[in-house]
C-alpha atoms as a PDB file:
ATOM      1  CA  MET A   1       2.524 195.918 -87.478  1.00  0.00           C
ATOM      2  CA  ARG A   2      -0.586 194.910 -89.097  1.00  0.00           C
ATOM      3  CA  LEU A   3      -3.131 192.075 -88.214  1.00  0.00           C
ATOM      4  CA  VAL A   4      -5.897 190.874 -89.852  1.00  0.00           C
ATOM      5  CA  LEU A   5      -8.299 188.995 -87.269  1.00  0.00           C
ATOM      6  CA  GLN A   6     -10.852 186.359 -88.457  1.00  0.00           C
ATOM      7  CA  ARG A   7     -13.211 184.910 -86.279  1.00  0.00           C
ATOM      8  CA  VAL A   8     -13.394 181.247 -87.446  1.00  0.00           C
ATOM      9  CA  ARG A   9     -14.914 177.877 -86.453  1.00  0.00           C
ATOM     10  CA  ARG A  10     -11.885 176.056 -87.769  1.00  0.00           C
ATOM     11  CA  GLY A  11      -8.572 176.973 -89.546  1.00  0.00           C
ATOM     12  CA  SER A  12      -5.542 175.266 -90.625  1.00  0.00           C
ATOM     13  CA  VAL A  13      -2.124 175.469 -92.558  1.00  0.00           C
ATOM     14  CA  SER A  14      -0.620 173.206 -94.731  1.00  0.00           C
ATOM     15  CA  VAL A  15       3.130 173.552 -96.405  1.00  0.00           C
ATOM     16  CA  ASP A  16       4.099 170.812 -99.195  1.00  0.00           C
ATOM     17  CA  GLY A  17       0.941 168.937 -98.789  1.00  0.00           C
ATOM     18  CA  GLU A  18       1.319 168.438 -95.014  1.00  0.00           C
ATOM     19  CA  LYS A  19      -0.895 169.996 -92.317  1.00  0.00           C
ATOM     20  CA  ILE A  20       1.218 171.723 -89.996  1.00  0.00           C
ATOM     21  CA  ALA A  21      -1.370 173.548 -87.790  1.00  0.00           C
ATOM     22  CA  GLU A  22      -5.001 173.297 -87.031  1.00  0.00           C
ATOM     23  CA  ILE A  23      -7.161 175.111 -84.575  1.00  0.00           C
ATOM     24  CA  GLY A  24     -11.012 175.076 -83.874  1.00  0.00           C
ATOM     25  CA  PRO A  25     -13.300 177.947 -82.930  1.00  0.00           C
ATOM     26  CA  GLY A  26     -11.110 181.234 -82.441  1.00  0.00           C
ATOM     27  CA  LEU A  27      -9.032 183.531 -84.644  1.00  0.00           C
ATOM     28  CA  VAL A  28      -6.958 183.114 -87.694  1.00  0.00           C
ATOM     29  CA  ILE A  29      -4.380 185.863 -87.270  1.00  0.00           C
ATOM     30  CA  LEU A  30      -2.624 187.217 -90.486  1.00  0.00           C
ATOM     31  CA  ILE A  31       0.353 189.159 -89.439  1.00  0.00           C
ATOM     32  CA  GLY A  32       2.566 191.578 -91.196  1.00  0.00           C
ATOM     33  CA  VAL A  33       5.688 193.498 -89.753  1.00  0.00           C
ATOM     34  CA  GLY A  34       6.554 196.932 -90.783  1.00  0.00           C
ATOM     35  CA  LEU A  35       9.966 198.431 -90.690  1.00  0.00           C
ATOM     36  CA  ASN A  36       9.423 200.527 -87.472  1.00  0.00           C
ATOM     37  CA  ASP A  37       7.917 197.797 -85.471  1.00  0.00           C
ATOM     38  CA  ARG A  38       9.316 196.812 -82.107  1.00  0.00           C
ATOM     39  CA  GLU A  39       8.601 194.314 -79.567  1.00  0.00           C
ATOM     40  CA  GLU A  40       6.502 196.781 -77.862  1.00  0.00           C
ATOM     41  CA  THR A  41       4.211 197.012 -80.693  1.00  0.00           C
ATOM     42  CA  ALA A  42       4.049 193.018 -80.942  1.00  0.00           C
ATOM     43  CA  ARG A  43       3.119 192.754 -77.037  1.00  0.00           C
ATOM     44  CA  ALA A  44       0.443 195.453 -77.456  1.00  0.00           C
ATOM     45  CA  LEU A  45      -1.189 194.063 -80.090  1.00  0.00           C
ATOM     46  CA  ALA A  46      -1.269 190.524 -78.563  1.00  0.00           C
ATOM     47  CA  GLU A  47      -2.951 191.927 -75.662  1.00  0.00           C
ATOM     48  CA  LYS A  48      -5.509 193.760 -77.924  1.00  0.00           C
ATOM     49  CA  THR A  49      -6.252 190.596 -79.790  1.00  0.00           C
ATOM     50  CA  ALA A  50      -6.785 188.358 -76.668  1.00  0.00           C
ATOM     51  CA  TYR A  51      -9.051 190.938 -75.178  1.00  0.00           C
ATOM     52  CA  LEU A  52     -10.789 192.248 -78.334  1.00  0.00           C
ATOM     53  CA  ARG A  53     -14.696 191.555 -77.824  1.00  0.00           C
ATOM     54  CA  ILE A  54     -15.632 190.163 -81.283  1.00  0.00           C
ATOM     55  CA  PHE A  55     -17.362 186.712 -79.959  1.00  0.00           C
ATOM     56  CA  GLU A  56     -21.199 186.962 -79.612  1.00  0.00           C
ATOM     57  CA  ASP A  57     -22.778 186.556 -76.019  1.00  0.00           C
ATOM     58  CA  GLN A  58     -25.843 184.788 -75.350  1.00  0.00           C
ATOM     59  CA  ASN A  59     -27.763 187.599 -76.735  1.00  0.00           C
ATOM     60  CA  GLY A  60     -25.943 187.543 -80.005  1.00  0.00           C
ATOM     61  CA  LYS A  61     -23.750 190.784 -79.202  1.00  0.00           C
ATOM     62  CA  MET A  62     -20.160 191.119 -79.469  1.00  0.00           C
ATOM     63  CA  ASN A  63     -19.286 191.278 -76.039  1.00  0.00           C
ATOM     64  CA  LEU A  64     -16.802 188.122 -75.368  1.00  0.00           C
ATOM     65  CA  SER A  65     -13.033 187.946 -76.029  1.00  0.00           C
ATOM     66  CA  LEU A  66     -11.134 185.220 -77.165  1.00  0.00           C
ATOM     67  CA  LEU A  67     -10.196 184.490 -73.584  1.00  0.00           C
ATOM     68  CA  ASP A  68     -13.699 184.601 -72.670  1.00  0.00           C
ATOM     69  CA  VAL A  69     -14.748 181.969 -75.054  1.00  0.00           C
ATOM     70  CA  ALA A  70     -11.619 179.778 -74.644  1.00  0.00           C
ATOM     71  CA  GLY A  71     -10.890 180.002 -78.278  1.00  0.00           C
ATOM     72  CA  GLU A  72      -7.638 179.227 -80.081  1.00  0.00           C
ATOM     73  CA  ALA A  73      -5.277 181.101 -82.490  1.00  0.00           C
ATOM     74  CA  LEU A  74      -3.630 180.234 -85.617  1.00  0.00           C
ATOM     75  CA  VAL A  75      -0.902 182.896 -86.693  1.00  0.00           C
ATOM     76  CA  VAL A  76       0.124 183.130 -90.026  1.00  0.00           C
ATOM     77  CA  SER A  77       2.858 185.536 -91.287  1.00  0.00           C
ATOM     78  CA  GLN A  78       1.917 187.618 -94.281  1.00  0.00           C
ATOM     79  CA  PHE A  79       4.278 190.248 -95.412  1.00  0.00           C
ATOM     80  CA  THR A  80       2.029 191.210 -98.191  1.00  0.00           C
ATOM     81  CA  LEU A  81      -0.016 193.070 -95.914  1.00  0.00           C
ATOM     82  CA  TYR A  82       2.423 195.635 -96.475  1.00  0.00           C
ATOM     83  CA  ALA A  83       1.568 195.975-100.189  1.00  0.00           C
ATOM     84  CA  ASP A  84       1.735 199.309-101.776  1.00  0.00           C
ATOM     85  CA  ALA A  85      -0.180 199.331-104.912  1.00  0.00           C
ATOM     86  CA  ARG A  86      -0.875 202.865-105.330  1.00  0.00           C
ATOM     87  CA  LYS A  87       1.515 203.339-108.480  1.00  0.00           C
ATOM     88  CA  GLY A  88       1.703 201.116-111.148  1.00  0.00           C
ATOM     89  CA  ARG A  89       0.330 197.200-111.411  1.00  0.00           C
ATOM     90  CA  ARG A  90       2.742 195.659-109.154  1.00  0.00           C
ATOM     91  CA  PRO A  91       2.893 195.854-105.541  1.00  0.00           C
ATOM     92  CA  SER A  92       5.766 197.397-103.819  1.00  0.00           C
ATOM     93  CA  PHE A  93       6.717 195.883-100.307  1.00  0.00           C
ATOM     94  CA  THR A  94       9.512 198.380 -99.236  1.00  0.00           C
ATOM     95  CA  ASP A  95       7.402 199.086 -96.216  1.00  0.00           C
ATOM     96  CA  ALA A  96       7.607 195.354 -94.895  1.00  0.00           C
ATOM     97  CA  ALA A  97      10.279 194.549 -92.527  1.00  0.00           C
ATOM     98  CA  LEU A  98      13.058 192.083 -93.496  1.00  0.00           C
ATOM     99  CA  PRO A  99      12.631 188.457 -92.531  1.00  0.00           C
ATOM    100  CA  GLU A 100      15.452 188.662 -89.969  1.00  0.00           C
ATOM    101  CA  GLN A 101      13.296 191.610 -88.188  1.00  0.00           C
ATOM    102  CA  ALA A 102       9.946 190.207 -88.809  1.00  0.00           C
ATOM    103  CA  LYS A 103      10.547 186.772 -87.830  1.00  0.00           C
ATOM    104  CA  PRO A 104      11.476 187.525 -84.254  1.00  0.00           C
ATOM    105  CA  LEU A 105       8.597 190.107 -83.713  1.00  0.00           C
ATOM    106  CA  ILE A 106       6.088 187.456 -84.791  1.00  0.00           C
ATOM    107  CA  GLU A 107       7.550 185.078 -82.392  1.00  0.00           C
ATOM    108  CA  CYS A 108       7.277 187.852 -79.793  1.00  0.00           C
ATOM    109  CA  PHE A 109       3.724 188.551 -80.499  1.00  0.00           C
ATOM    110  CA  VAL A 110       2.955 184.430 -80.515  1.00  0.00           C
ATOM    111  CA  ARG A 111       4.673 184.050 -76.965  1.00  0.00           C
ATOM    112  CA  HIS A 112       2.734 186.897 -75.588  1.00  0.00           C
ATOM    113  CA  LEU A 113      -0.425 185.602 -76.976  1.00  0.00           C
ATOM    114  CA  GLN A 114       0.442 182.169 -75.254  1.00  0.00           C
ATOM    115  CA  GLY A 115       1.236 183.901 -72.275  1.00  0.00           C
ATOM    116  CA  LEU A 116      -2.032 185.496 -72.005  1.00  0.00           C
ATOM    117  CA  GLY A 117      -3.521 182.052 -71.976  1.00  0.00           C
ATOM    118  CA  VAL A 118      -4.517 181.679 -75.701  1.00  0.00           C
ATOM    119  CA  PRO A 119      -3.554 178.187 -77.185  1.00  0.00           C
ATOM    120  CA  THR A 120      -1.790 179.299 -80.311  1.00  0.00           C
ATOM    121  CA  GLN A 121      -0.448 177.705 -83.307  1.00  0.00           C
ATOM    122  CA  CYS A 122       1.505 178.950 -86.365  1.00  0.00           C
ATOM    123  CA  GLY A 123       2.061 178.715 -89.742  1.00  0.00           C
ATOM    124  CA  GLN A 124       5.773 178.473 -91.179  1.00  0.00           C
ATOM    125  CA  PHE A 125       7.461 181.437 -91.570  1.00  0.00           C
ATOM    126  CA  GLY A 126       8.787 182.185 -95.102  1.00  0.00           C
ATOM    127  CA  ALA A 127       7.047 179.016 -96.508  1.00  0.00           C
ATOM    128  CA  HIS A 128       4.519 178.841 -99.109  1.00  0.00           C
ATOM    129  CA  MET A 129       1.372 177.982 -97.164  1.00  0.00           C
ATOM    130  CA  LEU A 130      -2.246 177.001 -97.975  1.00  0.00           C
ATOM    131  CA  VAL A 131      -4.434 178.395 -95.375  1.00  0.00           C
ATOM    132  CA  SER A 132      -7.993 177.136 -94.824  1.00  0.00           C
ATOM    133  CA  ILE A 133     -10.326 179.315 -93.155  1.00  0.00           C
ATOM    134  CA  GLU A 134     -13.866 178.826 -92.010  1.00  0.00           C
ATOM    135  CA  ASN A 135     -14.671 182.245 -91.512  1.00  0.00           C
ATOM    136  CA  ASP A 136     -17.508 182.558 -88.869  1.00  0.00           C
ATOM    137  CA  GLY A 137     -19.994 185.710 -89.094  1.00  0.00           C
ATOM    138  CA  PRO A 138     -18.059 186.498 -91.144  1.00  0.00           C
ATOM    139  CA  VAL A 139     -16.140 188.673 -88.735  1.00  0.00           C
ATOM    140  CA  THR A 140     -12.812 190.089 -90.289  1.00  0.00           C
ATOM    141  CA  ILE A 141     -11.040 192.983 -88.287  1.00  0.00           C
ATOM    142  CA  LEU A 142      -7.988 194.979 -89.119  1.00  0.00           C
ATOM    143  CA  LEU A 143      -5.615 196.045 -86.331  1.00  0.00           C
ATOM    144  CA  GLU A 144      -2.674 198.285 -87.103  1.00  0.00           C
ATOM    145  CA  GLN A 145      -0.131 200.006 -84.687  1.00  0.00           C
END
């Protein structure tokens, strides 16, 4: 499983011109699922995400977690995180999980994040989405397991 965490002031997702999700300060989480990922992976990464200290404290140090700052999360499925462009000019996605495997694992990640106390919204799995991100910092972290 691969996650790109972007610390944001705000983020939103639109599908077919309609805004379907919107958050204030927190994280936009782009999530890709690999062939060998399991529910344990999703739960471990949700916990890592909730407690990762990437928000600034009163001294400007990254010492606070998403939970510490009462931030929100916007989870956006993105199989292209598994693109392999080492050969040729067209990326291969053979390492990405098929939709029937990926969707339940993303849902597991979201449920666990919510269970930890993070208000979480989602994009629409499999849809063409327009994602708006106001990156704060900018701070962008890659998590993989």
